[in-house]
């Protein structure tokens, strides 16, 4: 793997959305904009953190989590908060100058994030986790100028890791959760490549729990040979792996739900666009980091 070094330290920022400022160049400098991101070190540190976060999640999975409701009535468990603490500590070690918007720690979702920031969902698919399913993930992504540049998705119950080794290169590997962490160099990484659809039609992957009329209407306009379903960011991975061709989502999602899977899919050769066909963008604090409808393609049709 080719090292891409961070060559200059930036000012420390708290691991949450930074406060507003009137100086755009100050925001850019504080977030490390213009400084090369070290993909190699990020992959190493965050693979290790993912294995440890996965161990914390699976400990609660086995014991049965205590569930609370957040202000928006969505569930949160001790697994979410324990995983988040491990990931945020790793990001502080990796790049303390880059701000982080994380699901459980982002108190002000409208505060401007600057051109470079991390998005973290420490347990994507909390409902699947509570219901003892296995399709929940840890999501970590780096956003630069609205575009996901680095992504890591880890499904601890499946022992599956996917990440971007560098721009344009995505891989997956088996990785069991472990409190001692993990060494990326010892994993058997396999490349991920999105596919061109076959003549028989498209394989569509849809959400287990969010299949709505808008999605059905979208799919009705396509030649669909087969459907599959999955939870959390695993839908992106099915497209990145070449096992599905399209993943439409017209229901609400947050940016930390999608950014890591988006990064992996893009590095595997796929695309993610909004309902108008424009690239899906991140850092939309004017919406409170709420995504618009989007479609993930392995190979986007012309026109």
Foldseek 3Di string as FASTA:
>chain_A
DDWWDQDDAADFDPQEAGADDPDQVNLCRLQSHPGTATLQLCVFLVQQLQLQLLVLLVVCLVVAWDWDADPVRDIDTVSQVSSVVSNSVSVCVRHRSHYEHEDVPHPQLLGFRHFKHKYWRSWFPVVCSNVSHQFIWTWIFMGGRFATFWIWIARQSQQKIWIASGALWIWMFRHHRDNSGDGPVPTDIDTWAADDDDPQFWEEEEEPPQDDPVNVVVCVVGNHPYYHYGGFLVRLVCRRRHVGFKYWDQDKDFQSRHSRSQNNLVSNQKAKAAPVRHGFTARPSVVSRIGHTMMIGSDDDDD
